Amino acid sequence: MGKTKTKLIDDSKSKAEVKGQTSLRGPEVKSVENKKASRPKDELVEKLKAELGIEETSSHPSTDAQGPRNDKKGPVQKSKPRSKKYQELVKDLDKSKTYPLNEAVETAKKLSYTKFTGTLEAHINTYNTGIRGLVSFPFALGKKLHILVFGANTSKESELTFKVNGVTLGDDAAIEEINKGKINFDLVITTPEWMPKLAKVAKNLGPRGLMPNPKSGTITTDLKKAVESFQAGKTEYKTEPKAKVMHLALGKLDQSTEELSANIKALLQVLGKTRVKKITLSPTMGPGVKVDLASI
């Protein structure tokens, strides 16, 4: 066997020299690191980009080109300018003025710019919320309501009577259709016995204001009388759930001013003038006209 080779270490060398020889990171490297650490971070980044030939680019367009920004919602959206037709109509309208009832109706009719016969709408600001009731307009709106009735006798004679009045008889299949989101009617009238079944589709009827309610006259034992009254012009009025305002259709714009004024007077008589803060009339498409309450 050969002799084992051993390496002699000169103990005369200082520990510092040995450490300097065996260390992987010499004093020179450390000095460079100290210099880098002392430099600002941005300066190092810029120098590195210059050495590598990297140009400064941005994947996002400048906010100056987009205009002012909102931190949460992105670019601020500017309001859409009104059409020339609208601006032409309102140039002679004094929006700060209140008009006598008949003049307000006439003005609102002239301010309509639809090609079809629009509706005269009343936007009523009230002093309180939770106002709700029924009003029978002396001059019907001219719209044939499609009413869904639950609880009627399904005999052929009764069914024929309801069909003549523009009414569909409801059943379990109709409730299933409502549950699927198919709403093709304007009003629901029912007897109390059907309310437990209709409660299952309240999530579909409620948001549309179609859920039957005894205060609105849509839960009754005399279905035929209820249907006839609504077809004759009975209308429900109510304030918005969280706002002191109500919106109501008063009639078609091709009706006479006297008829439309009579409908407004009937509404105010039932609603009570002391509850009303302001009334604004407007066509389906067109600006609003303020009504002088003292003229009603």
C-alpha atoms as a PDB file:
ATOM      1  CA  MET A   1       0.000   0.000   0.000  1.00  0.00           C
ATOM      2  CA  GLY A   2       1.224   3.539  -0.743  1.00  0.00           C
ATOM      3  CA  LYS A   3       1.759   6.209   1.770  1.00  0.00           C
ATOM      4  CA  THR A   4      -1.069   8.495   2.693  1.00  0.00           C
ATOM      5  CA  LYS A   5      -0.448  12.018   1.439  1.00  0.00           C
ATOM      6  CA  THR A   6      -0.974  14.760   3.968  1.00  0.00           C
ATOM      7  CA  LYS A   7      -0.998  18.486   3.415  1.00  0.00           C
ATOM      8  CA  LEU A   8       0.798  20.663   5.883  1.00  0.00           C
ATOM      9  CA  ILE A   9      -0.692  24.042   6.752  1.00  0.00           C
ATOM     10  CA  ASP A  10       1.646  26.779   7.763  1.00  0.00           C
ATOM     11  CA  ASP A  11       0.384  27.962  11.127  1.00  0.00           C
ATOM     12  CA  SER A  12       2.548  31.019  10.802  1.00  0.00           C
ATOM     13  CA  LYS A  13      -0.010  32.602   8.518  1.00  0.00           C
ATOM     14  CA  SER A  14      -2.469  34.867  10.233  1.00  0.00           C
ATOM     15  CA  LYS A  15      -6.098  33.979  10.473  1.00  0.00           C
ATOM     16  CA  ALA A  16      -6.937  37.048   8.459  1.00  0.00           C
ATOM     17  CA  GLU A  17      -4.769  35.902   5.546  1.00  0.00           C
ATOM     18  CA  VAL A  18      -6.289  32.435   5.581  1.00  0.00           C
ATOM     19  CA  LYS A  19      -9.785  33.905   5.694  1.00  0.00           C
ATOM     20  CA  GLY A  20      -8.955  36.230   2.824  1.00  0.00           C
ATOM     21  CA  GLN A  21      -7.706  33.306   0.690  1.00  0.00           C
ATOM     22  CA  THR A  22     -10.541  30.916   1.402  1.00  0.00           C
ATOM     23  CA  SER A  23     -13.404  33.406   1.193  1.00  0.00           C
ATOM     24  CA  LEU A  24     -15.433  33.337  -2.011  1.00  0.00           C
ATOM     25  CA  ARG A  25     -16.321  37.007  -1.628  1.00  0.00           C
ATOM     26  CA  GLY A  26     -13.166  39.086  -1.283  1.00  0.00           C
ATOM     27  CA  PRO A  27     -12.772  42.602   0.035  1.00  0.00           C
ATOM     28  CA  GLU A  28     -13.037  44.064  -3.455  1.00  0.00           C
ATOM     29  CA  VAL A  29     -16.453  42.507  -3.996  1.00  0.00           C
ATOM     30  CA  LYS A  30     -17.644  43.798  -0.676  1.00  0.00           C
ATOM     31  CA  SER A  31     -16.505  47.308  -1.455  1.00  0.00           C
ATOM     32  CA  VAL A  32     -18.468  47.259  -4.733  1.00  0.00           C
ATOM     33  CA  GLU A  33     -21.571  46.038  -2.913  1.00  0.00           C
ATOM     34  CA  ASN A  34     -21.257  48.806  -0.382  1.00  0.00           C
ATOM     35  CA  LYS A  35     -21.046  51.362  -3.174  1.00  0.00           C
ATOM     36  CA  LYS A  36     -24.136  49.888  -4.874  1.00  0.00           C
ATOM     37  CA  ALA A  37     -26.092  49.907  -1.648  1.00  0.00           C
ATOM     38  CA  SER A  38     -25.243  53.534  -1.157  1.00  0.00           C
ATOM     39  CA  ARG A  39     -26.607  54.487  -4.576  1.00  0.00           C
ATOM     40  CA  PRO A  40     -30.280  55.337  -4.981  1.00  0.00           C
ATOM     41  CA  LYS A  41     -32.318  52.467  -6.377  1.00  0.00           C
ATOM     42  CA  ASP A  42     -33.651  54.497  -9.309  1.00  0.00           C
ATOM     43  CA  GLU A  43     -30.106  55.441 -10.350  1.00  0.00           C
ATOM     44  CA  LEU A  44     -29.053  51.784 -10.463  1.00  0.00           C
ATOM     45  CA  VAL A  45     -32.092  50.863 -12.528  1.00  0.00           C
ATOM     46  CA  GLU A  46     -31.443  53.653 -15.014  1.00  0.00           C
ATOM     47  CA  LYS A  47     -27.762  52.717 -15.343  1.00  0.00           C
ATOM     48  CA  LEU A  48     -28.631  49.051 -15.928  1.00  0.00           C
ATOM     49  CA  LYS A  49     -31.140  50.000 -18.644  1.00  0.00           C
ATOM     50  CA  ALA A  50     -28.551  52.214 -20.325  1.00  0.00           C
ATOM     51  CA  GLU A  51     -25.956  49.424 -20.327  1.00  0.00           C
ATOM     52  CA  LEU A  52     -28.392  46.897 -21.764  1.00  0.00           C
ATOM     53  CA  GLY A  53     -29.900  49.321 -24.292  1.00  0.00           C
ATOM     54  CA  ILE A  54     -33.434  49.103 -22.892  1.00  0.00           C
ATOM     55  CA  GLU A  55     -35.720  52.023 -23.789  1.00  0.00           C
ATOM     56  CA  GLU A  56     -38.359  53.318 -21.408  1.00  0.00           C
ATOM     57  CA  THR A  57     -41.815  52.250 -22.585  1.00  0.00           C
ATOM     58  CA  SER A  58     -45.241  52.008 -20.984  1.00  0.00           C
ATOM     59  CA  SER A  59     -47.977  49.502 -21.695  1.00  0.00           C
ATOM     60  CA  HIS A  60     -50.595  52.022 -20.601  1.00  0.00           C
ATOM     61  CA  PRO A  61     -51.520  55.148 -22.534  1.00  0.00           C
ATOM     62  CA  SER A  62     -50.843  58.466 -20.910  1.00  0.00           C
ATOM     63  CA  THR A  63     -53.560  59.696 -18.604  1.00  0.00           C
ATOM     64  CA  ASP A  64     -53.163  63.140 -20.180  1.00  0.00           C
ATOM     65  CA  ALA A  65     -54.578  61.753 -23.432  1.00  0.00           C
ATOM     66  CA  GLN A  66     -57.494  60.242 -21.561  1.00  0.00           C
ATOM     67  CA  GLY A  67     -58.300  63.353 -19.613  1.00  0.00           C
ATOM     68  CA  PRO A  68     -58.915  63.482 -15.847  1.00  0.00           C
ATOM     69  CA  ARG A  69     -59.233  60.109 -14.156  1.00  0.00           C
ATOM     70  CA  ASN A  70     -61.234  58.865 -11.248  1.00  0.00           C
ATOM     71  CA  ASP A  71     -59.164  56.549  -9.033  1.00  0.00           C
ATOM     72  CA  LYS A  72     -62.023  54.058  -8.676  1.00  0.00           C
ATOM     73  CA  LYS A  73     -63.962  54.187 -11.898  1.00  0.00           C
ATOM     74  CA  GLY A  74     -61.398  55.034 -14.569  1.00  0.00           C
ATOM     75  CA  PRO A  75     -61.861  57.949 -16.988  1.00  0.00           C
ATOM     76  CA  VAL A  76     -64.524  60.462 -16.046  1.00  0.00           C
ATOM     77  CA  GLN A  77     -67.508  60.122 -18.382  1.00  0.00           C
ATOM     78  CA  LYS A  78     -68.808  63.376 -19.784  1.00  0.00           C
ATOM     79  CA  SER A  79     -72.555  63.866 -19.993  1.00  0.00           C
ATOM     80  CA  LYS A  80     -73.992  63.096 -23.393  1.00  0.00           C
ATOM     81  CA  PRO A  81     -74.938  66.276 -25.248  1.00  0.00           C
ATOM     82  CA  ARG A  82     -78.605  66.744 -26.087  1.00  0.00           C
ATOM     83  CA  SER A  83     -79.736  66.367 -29.672  1.00  0.00           C
ATOM     84  CA  LYS A  84     -80.318  69.392 -31.873  1.00  0.00           C
ATOM     85  CA  LYS A  85     -84.029  68.580 -31.939  1.00  0.00           C
ATOM     86  CA  TYR A  86     -84.180  68.657 -28.132  1.00  0.00           C
ATOM     87  CA  GLN A  87     -82.217  71.903 -27.918  1.00  0.00           C
ATOM     88  CA  GLU A  88     -84.490  73.486 -30.511  1.00  0.00           C
ATOM     89  CA  LEU A  89     -87.568  72.544 -28.458  1.00  0.00           C
ATOM     90  CA  VAL A  90     -86.329  73.871 -25.124  1.00  0.00           C
ATOM     91  CA  LYS A  91     -84.845  77.164 -26.305  1.00  0.00           C
ATOM     92  CA  ASP A  92     -88.105  79.020 -25.507  1.00  0.00           C
ATOM     93  CA  LEU A  93     -88.944  76.983 -22.378  1.00  0.00           C
ATOM     94  CA  ASP A  94     -88.428  78.750 -19.058  1.00  0.00           C
ATOM     95  CA  LYS A  95     -87.493  75.858 -16.741  1.00  0.00           C
ATOM     96  CA  SER A  96     -87.755  78.056 -13.652  1.00  0.00           C
ATOM     97  CA  LYS A  97     -91.358  79.027 -14.389  1.00  0.00           C
ATOM     98  CA  THR A  98     -94.486  77.225 -13.191  1.00  0.00           C
ATOM     99  CA  TYR A  99     -97.346  77.082 -15.690  1.00  0.00           C
ATOM    100  CA  PRO A 100    -101.107  77.008 -15.090  1.00  0.00           C
ATOM    101  CA  LEU A 101    -102.480  73.473 -15.510  1.00  0.00           C
ATOM    102  CA  ASN A 102    -103.979  73.785 -18.996  1.00  0.00           C
ATOM    103  CA  GLU A 103    -100.987  75.738 -20.294  1.00  0.00           C
ATOM    104  CA  ALA A 104     -98.611  73.163 -18.782  1.00  0.00           C
ATOM    105  CA  VAL A 105    -100.475  70.330 -20.549  1.00  0.00           C
ATOM    106  CA  GLU A 106    -100.433  72.188 -23.874  1.00  0.00           C
ATOM    107  CA  THR A 107     -96.727  72.990 -23.517  1.00  0.00           C
ATOM    108  CA  ALA A 108     -95.808  69.396 -22.650  1.00  0.00           C
ATOM    109  CA  LYS A 109     -97.715  68.129 -25.684  1.00  0.00           C
ATOM    110  CA  LYS A 110     -95.833  70.524 -27.972  1.00  0.00           C
ATOM    111  CA  LEU A 111     -92.471  69.468 -26.520  1.00  0.00           C
ATOM    112  CA  SER A 112     -92.857  65.828 -27.547  1.00  0.00           C
ATOM    113  CA  TYR A 113     -90.503  64.805 -30.370  1.00  0.00           C
ATOM    114  CA  THR A 114     -91.425  61.152 -30.900  1.00  0.00           C
ATOM    115  CA  LYS A 115     -92.751  59.897 -34.224  1.00  0.00           C
ATOM    116  CA  PHE A 116     -95.369  57.820 -32.378  1.00  0.00           C
ATOM    117  CA  THR A 117     -98.152  59.045 -30.110  1.00  0.00           C
ATOM    118  CA  GLY A 118     -96.516  59.351 -26.728  1.00  0.00           C
ATOM    119  CA  THR A 119     -97.903  59.413 -23.205  1.00  0.00           C
ATOM    120  CA  LEU A 120     -98.283  62.367 -20.881  1.00  0.00           C
ATOM    121  CA  GLU A 121     -96.500  61.527 -17.639  1.00  0.00           C
ATOM    122  CA  ALA A 122     -96.751  63.139 -14.213  1.00  0.00           C
ATOM    123  CA  HIS A 123     -93.715  63.190 -11.939  1.00  0.00           C
ATOM    124  CA  ILE A 124     -94.910  64.135  -8.466  1.00  0.00           C
ATOM    125  CA  ASN A 125     -92.636  65.086  -5.581  1.00  0.00           C
ATOM    126  CA  THR A 126     -94.309  64.402  -2.231  1.00  0.00           C
ATOM    127  CA  TYR A 127     -93.530  65.350   1.349  1.00  0.00           C
ATOM    128  CA  ASN A 128     -93.506  61.734   2.541  1.00  0.00           C
ATOM    129  CA  THR A 129     -92.809  58.204   1.338  1.00  0.00           C
ATOM    130  CA  GLY A 130     -95.148  55.222   1.648  1.00  0.00           C
ATOM    131  CA  ILE A 131     -98.045  56.923  -0.154  1.00  0.00           C
ATOM    132  CA  ARG A 132    -100.148  54.417  -2.053  1.00  0.00           C
ATOM    133  CA  GLY A 133    -103.702  54.130  -3.347  1.00  0.00           C
ATOM    134  CA  LEU A 134    -106.064  53.860  -6.299  1.00  0.00           C
ATOM    135  CA  VAL A 135    -107.506  56.486  -8.592  1.00  0.00           C
ATOM    136  CA  SER A 136    -110.118  56.143 -11.323  1.00  0.00           C
ATOM    137  CA  PHE A 137    -109.391  58.527 -14.165  1.00  0.00           C
ATOM    138  CA  PRO A 138    -112.498  59.994 -15.786  1.00  0.00           C
ATOM    139  CA  PHE A 139    -110.833  59.595 -19.181  1.00  0.00           C
ATOM    140  CA  ALA A 140    -109.116  56.223 -19.575  1.00  0.00           C
ATOM    141  CA  LEU A 141    -105.569  56.042 -20.834  1.00  0.00           C
ATOM    142  CA  GLY A 142    -106.608  54.297 -24.020  1.00  0.00           C
ATOM    143  CA  LYS A 143    -104.352  51.323 -23.277  1.00  0.00           C
ATOM    144  CA  LYS A 144    -105.922  47.888 -23.132  1.00  0.00           C
ATOM    145  CA  LEU A 145    -104.526  46.174 -20.055  1.00  0.00           C
ATOM    146  CA  HIS A 146    -103.521  42.531 -20.217  1.00  0.00           C
ATOM    147  CA  ILE A 147    -104.696  41.167 -16.857  1.00  0.00           C
ATOM    148  CA  LEU A 148    -103.830  37.767 -15.394  1.00  0.00           C
ATOM    149  CA  VAL A 149    -106.595  36.504 -13.088  1.00  0.00           C
ATOM    150  CA  PHE A 150    -106.305  33.709 -10.510  1.00  0.00           C
ATOM    151  CA  GLY A 151    -109.287  32.107  -8.823  1.00  0.00           C
ATOM    152  CA  ALA A 152    -111.892  32.556 -11.545  1.00  0.00           C
ATOM    153  CA  ASN A 153    -114.401  29.891 -12.415  1.00  0.00           C
ATOM    154  CA  THR A 154    -112.973  27.983 -15.339  1.00  0.00           C
ATOM    155  CA  SER A 155    -116.308  27.361 -16.962  1.00  0.00           C
ATOM    156  CA  LYS A 156    -116.546  28.204 -20.669  1.00  0.00           C
ATOM    157  CA  GLU A 157    -119.016  31.013 -20.025  1.00  0.00           C
ATOM    158  CA  SER A 158    -116.747  32.693 -17.474  1.00  0.00           C
ATOM    159  CA  GLU A 159    -113.674  32.174 -19.639  1.00  0.00           C
ATOM    160  CA  LEU A 160    -115.386  33.773 -22.629  1.00  0.00           C
ATOM    161  CA  THR A 161    -116.411  36.780 -20.506  1.00  0.00           C
ATOM    162  CA  PHE A 162    -112.861  37.339 -19.314  1.00  0.00           C
ATOM    163  CA  LYS A 163    -111.349  36.929 -22.767  1.00  0.00           C
ATOM    164  CA  VAL A 164    -113.658  39.620 -24.106  1.00  0.00           C
ATOM    165  CA  ASN A 165    -112.307  41.941 -21.395  1.00  0.00           C
ATOM    166  CA  GLY A 166    -108.696  41.184 -22.303  1.00  0.00           C
ATOM    167  CA  VAL A 167    -108.044  38.852 -19.364  1.00  0.00           C
ATOM    168  CA  THR A 168    -106.180  35.550 -19.134  1.00  0.00           C
ATOM    169  CA  LEU A 169    -107.189  32.952 -16.559  1.00  0.00           C
ATOM    170  CA  GLY A 170    -104.264  31.909 -14.383  1.00  0.00           C
ATOM    171  CA  ASP A 171    -103.470  28.374 -13.194  1.00  0.00           C
ATOM    172  CA  ASP A 172    -100.549  26.344 -11.854  1.00  0.00           C
ATOM    173  CA  ALA A 173     -98.939  26.339 -15.294  1.00  0.00           C
ATOM    174  CA  ALA A 174     -99.077  30.147 -15.388  1.00  0.00           C
ATOM    175  CA  ILE A 175     -97.325  30.310 -12.016  1.00  0.00           C
ATOM    176  CA  GLU A 176     -94.611  28.026 -13.344  1.00  0.00           C
ATOM    177  CA  GLU A 177     -94.144  30.360 -16.331  1.00  0.00           C
ATOM    178  CA  ILE A 178     -93.819  33.333 -13.972  1.00  0.00           C
ATOM    179  CA  ASN A 179     -91.246  31.388 -11.966  1.00  0.00           C
ATOM    180  CA  LYS A 180     -89.205  31.035 -15.175  1.00  0.00           C
ATOM    181  CA  GLY A 181     -89.297  34.811 -15.649  1.00  0.00           C
ATOM    182  CA  LYS A 182     -91.925  34.981 -18.406  1.00  0.00           C
ATOM    183  CA  ILE A 183     -93.957  38.135 -17.704  1.00  0.00           C
ATOM    184  CA  ASN A 184     -96.375  39.018 -20.512  1.00  0.00           C
ATOM    185  CA  PHE A 185     -99.130  40.832 -18.604  1.00  0.00           C
ATOM    186  CA  ASP A 186     -99.694  44.275 -17.063  1.00  0.00           C
ATOM    187  CA  LEU A 187    -101.606  43.348 -13.909  1.00  0.00           C
ATOM    188  CA  VAL A 188    -102.365  40.391 -11.623  1.00  0.00           C
ATOM    189  CA  ILE A 189    -105.723  40.092  -9.838  1.00  0.00           C
ATOM    190  CA  THR A 190    -106.429  37.174  -7.540  1.00  0.00           C
ATOM    191  CA  THR A 191    -108.702  35.781  -4.848  1.00  0.00           C
ATOM    192  CA  PRO A 192    -107.185  35.314  -1.353  1.00  0.00           C
ATOM    193  CA  GLU A 193    -107.045  31.522  -1.820  1.00  0.00           C
ATOM    194  CA  TRP A 194    -104.352  31.814  -4.498  1.00  0.00           C
ATOM    195  CA  MET A 195    -101.990  34.040  -2.498  1.00  0.00           C
ATOM    196  CA  PRO A 196     -99.959  31.169  -0.935  1.00  0.00           C
ATOM    197  CA  LYS A 197     -99.095  29.934  -4.445  1.00  0.00           C
ATOM    198  CA  LEU A 198     -98.362  33.421  -5.759  1.00  0.00           C
ATOM    199  CA  ALA A 199     -96.096  34.072  -2.767  1.00  0.00           C
ATOM    200  CA  LYS A 200     -93.684  31.534  -4.275  1.00  0.00           C
ATOM    201  CA  VAL A 201     -93.134  33.832  -7.276  1.00  0.00           C
ATOM    202  CA  ALA A 202     -93.056  37.094  -5.312  1.00  0.00           C
ATOM    203  CA  LYS A 203     -89.382  37.499  -6.248  1.00  0.00           C
ATOM    204  CA  ASN A 204     -90.464  37.775  -9.898  1.00  0.00           C
ATOM    205  CA  LEU A 205     -93.625  39.850  -9.427  1.00  0.00           C
ATOM    206  CA  GLY A 206     -92.520  42.149  -6.590  1.00  0.00           C
ATOM    207  CA  PRO A 207     -89.692  44.061  -8.345  1.00  0.00           C
ATOM    208  CA  ARG A 208     -92.042  44.765 -11.277  1.00  0.00           C
ATOM    209  CA  GLY A 209     -94.824  46.053  -9.019  1.00  0.00           C
ATOM    210  CA  LEU A 210     -97.121  43.211 -10.048  1.00  0.00           C
ATOM    211  CA  MET A 211     -97.555  41.410  -6.716  1.00  0.00           C
ATOM    212  CA  PRO A 212    -101.259  41.525  -5.737  1.00  0.00           C
ATOM    213  CA  ASN A 213    -102.070  43.716  -2.759  1.00  0.00           C
ATOM    214  CA  PRO A 214    -105.373  44.417  -0.991  1.00  0.00           C
ATOM    215  CA  LYS A 215    -104.569  48.156  -0.877  1.00  0.00           C
ATOM    216  CA  SER A 216    -104.355  48.281  -4.651  1.00  0.00           C
ATOM    217  CA  GLY A 217    -107.580  46.316  -5.096  1.00  0.00           C
ATOM    218  CA  THR A 218    -105.838  43.384  -6.786  1.00  0.00           C
ATOM    219  CA  ILE A 219    -106.802  40.870  -4.057  1.00  0.00           C
ATOM    220  CA  THR A 220    -110.571  40.523  -4.092  1.00  0.00           C
ATOM    221  CA  THR A 221    -113.437  38.080  -4.070  1.00  0.00           C
ATOM    222  CA  ASP A 222    -115.265  39.920  -6.874  1.00  0.00           C
ATOM    223  CA  LEU A 223    -112.894  39.367  -9.781  1.00  0.00           C
ATOM    224  CA  LYS A 224    -115.222  40.567 -12.515  1.00  0.00           C
ATOM    225  CA  LYS A 225    -115.854  43.910 -10.807  1.00  0.00           C
ATOM    226  CA  ALA A 226    -112.132  44.409 -10.211  1.00  0.00           C
ATOM    227  CA  VAL A 227    -111.299  43.642 -13.843  1.00  0.00           C
ATOM    228  CA  GLU A 228    -113.929  46.047 -15.139  1.00  0.00           C
ATOM    229  CA  SER A 229    -112.753  48.858 -12.848  1.00  0.00           C
ATOM    230  CA  PHE A 230    -109.134  48.538 -13.956  1.00  0.00           C
ATOM    231  CA  GLN A 231    -110.098  48.327 -17.612  1.00  0.00           C
ATOM    232  CA  ALA A 232    -112.219  51.449 -17.146  1.00  0.00           C
ATOM    233  CA  GLY A 233    -109.226  53.478 -16.014  1.00  0.00           C
ATOM    234  CA  LYS A 234    -108.533  52.613 -12.378  1.00  0.00           C
ATOM    235  CA  THR A 235    -104.827  53.111 -11.738  1.00  0.00           C
ATOM    236  CA  GLU A 236    -102.583  52.520  -8.761  1.00  0.00           C
ATOM    237  CA  TYR A 237    -100.346  55.327  -7.569  1.00  0.00           C
ATOM    238  CA  LYS A 238     -97.449  54.906  -5.127  1.00  0.00           C
ATOM    239  CA  THR A 239     -94.202  56.567  -4.166  1.00  0.00           C
ATOM    240  CA  GLU A 240     -90.859  54.973  -4.895  1.00  0.00           C
ATOM    241  CA  PRO A 241     -89.646  52.594  -2.128  1.00  0.00           C
ATOM    242  CA  LYS A 242     -86.874  54.938  -0.968  1.00  0.00           C
ATOM    243  CA  ALA A 243     -87.779  58.261  -2.537  1.00  0.00           C
ATOM    244  CA  LYS A 244     -90.468  60.910  -2.080  1.00  0.00           C
ATOM    245  CA  VAL A 245     -91.567  60.800  -5.698  1.00  0.00           C
ATOM    246  CA  MET A 246     -94.094  58.967  -7.859  1.00  0.00           C
ATOM    247  CA  HIS A 247     -94.390  58.566 -11.614  1.00  0.00           C
ATOM    248  CA  LEU A 248     -97.757  58.111 -13.290  1.00  0.00           C
ATOM    249  CA  ALA A 249     -99.111  57.962 -16.842  1.00  0.00           C
ATOM    250  CA  LEU A 250    -102.044  60.337 -17.258  1.00  0.00           C
ATOM    251  CA  GLY A 251    -103.144  59.662 -20.822  1.00  0.00           C
ATOM    252  CA  LYS A 252    -102.109  59.777 -24.468  1.00  0.00           C
ATOM    253  CA  LEU A 253    -100.839  62.971 -26.023  1.00  0.00           C
ATOM    254  CA  ASP A 254    -103.539  62.891 -28.686  1.00  0.00           C
ATOM    255  CA  GLN A 255    -106.237  63.272 -26.021  1.00  0.00           C
ATOM    256  CA  SER A 256    -107.701  66.733 -25.544  1.00  0.00           C
ATOM    257  CA  THR A 257    -106.165  69.107 -23.034  1.00  0.00           C
ATOM    258  CA  GLU A 258    -109.443  69.146 -21.110  1.00  0.00           C
ATOM    259  CA  GLU A 259    -109.416  65.343 -20.701  1.00  0.00           C
ATOM    260  CA  LEU A 260    -105.803  65.245 -19.541  1.00  0.00           C
ATOM    261  CA  SER A 261    -106.367  68.120 -17.131  1.00  0.00           C
ATOM    262  CA  ALA A 262    -109.411  66.336 -15.724  1.00  0.00           C
ATOM    263  CA  ASN A 263    -107.290  63.229 -15.069  1.00  0.00           C
ATOM    264  CA  ILE A 264    -104.724  65.318 -13.167  1.00  0.00           C
ATOM    265  CA  LYS A 265    -107.448  66.964 -11.084  1.00  0.00           C
ATOM    266  CA  ALA A 266    -108.934  63.538 -10.257  1.00  0.00           C
ATOM    267  CA  LEU A 267    -105.518  62.337  -9.122  1.00  0.00           C
ATOM    268  CA  LEU A 268    -104.907  65.387  -6.929  1.00  0.00           C
ATOM    269  CA  GLN A 269    -108.373  65.060  -5.388  1.00  0.00           C
ATOM    270  CA  VAL A 270    -107.676  61.474  -4.302  1.00  0.00           C
ATOM    271  CA  LEU A 271    -104.031  62.035  -3.405  1.00  0.00           C
ATOM    272  CA  GLY A 272    -104.573  65.285  -1.521  1.00  0.00           C
ATOM    273  CA  LYS A 273    -102.826  68.547  -2.428  1.00  0.00           C
ATOM    274  CA  THR A 274    -101.276  68.829   1.041  1.00  0.00           C
ATOM    275  CA  ARG A 275     -99.161  65.756   0.264  1.00  0.00           C
ATOM    276  CA  VAL A 276     -97.806  67.212  -2.969  1.00  0.00           C
ATOM    277  CA  LYS A 277     -94.678  69.343  -3.115  1.00  0.00           C
ATOM    278  CA  LYS A 278     -94.220  69.695  -6.879  1.00  0.00           C
ATOM    279  CA  ILE A 279     -95.713  68.336 -10.139  1.00  0.00           C
ATOM    280  CA  THR A 280     -93.832  68.147 -13.405  1.00  0.00           C
ATOM    281  CA  LEU A 281     -95.499  67.062 -16.648  1.00  0.00           C
ATOM    282  CA  SER A 282     -93.549  65.601 -19.529  1.00  0.00           C
ATOM    283  CA  PRO A 283     -94.150  63.628 -22.721  1.00  0.00           C
ATOM    284  CA  THR A 284     -92.627  60.181 -23.243  1.00  0.00           C
ATOM    285  CA  MET A 285     -89.646  61.884 -24.866  1.00  0.00           C
ATOM    286  CA  GLY A 286     -89.231  65.549 -24.110  1.00  0.00           C
ATOM    287  CA  PRO A 287     -88.441  68.031 -21.326  1.00  0.00           C
ATOM    288  CA  GLY A 288     -90.528  68.542 -18.226  1.00  0.00           C
ATOM    289  CA  VAL A 289     -92.911  71.434 -17.504  1.00  0.00           C
ATOM    290  CA  LYS A 290     -93.597  72.553 -13.931  1.00  0.00           C
ATOM    291  CA  VAL A 291     -97.240  72.979 -12.899  1.00  0.00           C
ATOM    292  CA  ASP A 292     -98.534  75.823 -10.751  1.00  0.00           C
ATOM    293  CA  LEU A 293    -100.347  73.968  -7.937  1.00  0.00           C
ATOM    294  CA  ALA A 294    -102.493  77.003  -7.232  1.00  0.00           C
ATOM    295  CA  SER A 295    -104.121  76.569 -10.658  1.00  0.00           C
ATOM    296  CA  ILE A 296    -105.501  73.091  -9.824  1.00  0.00           C
END
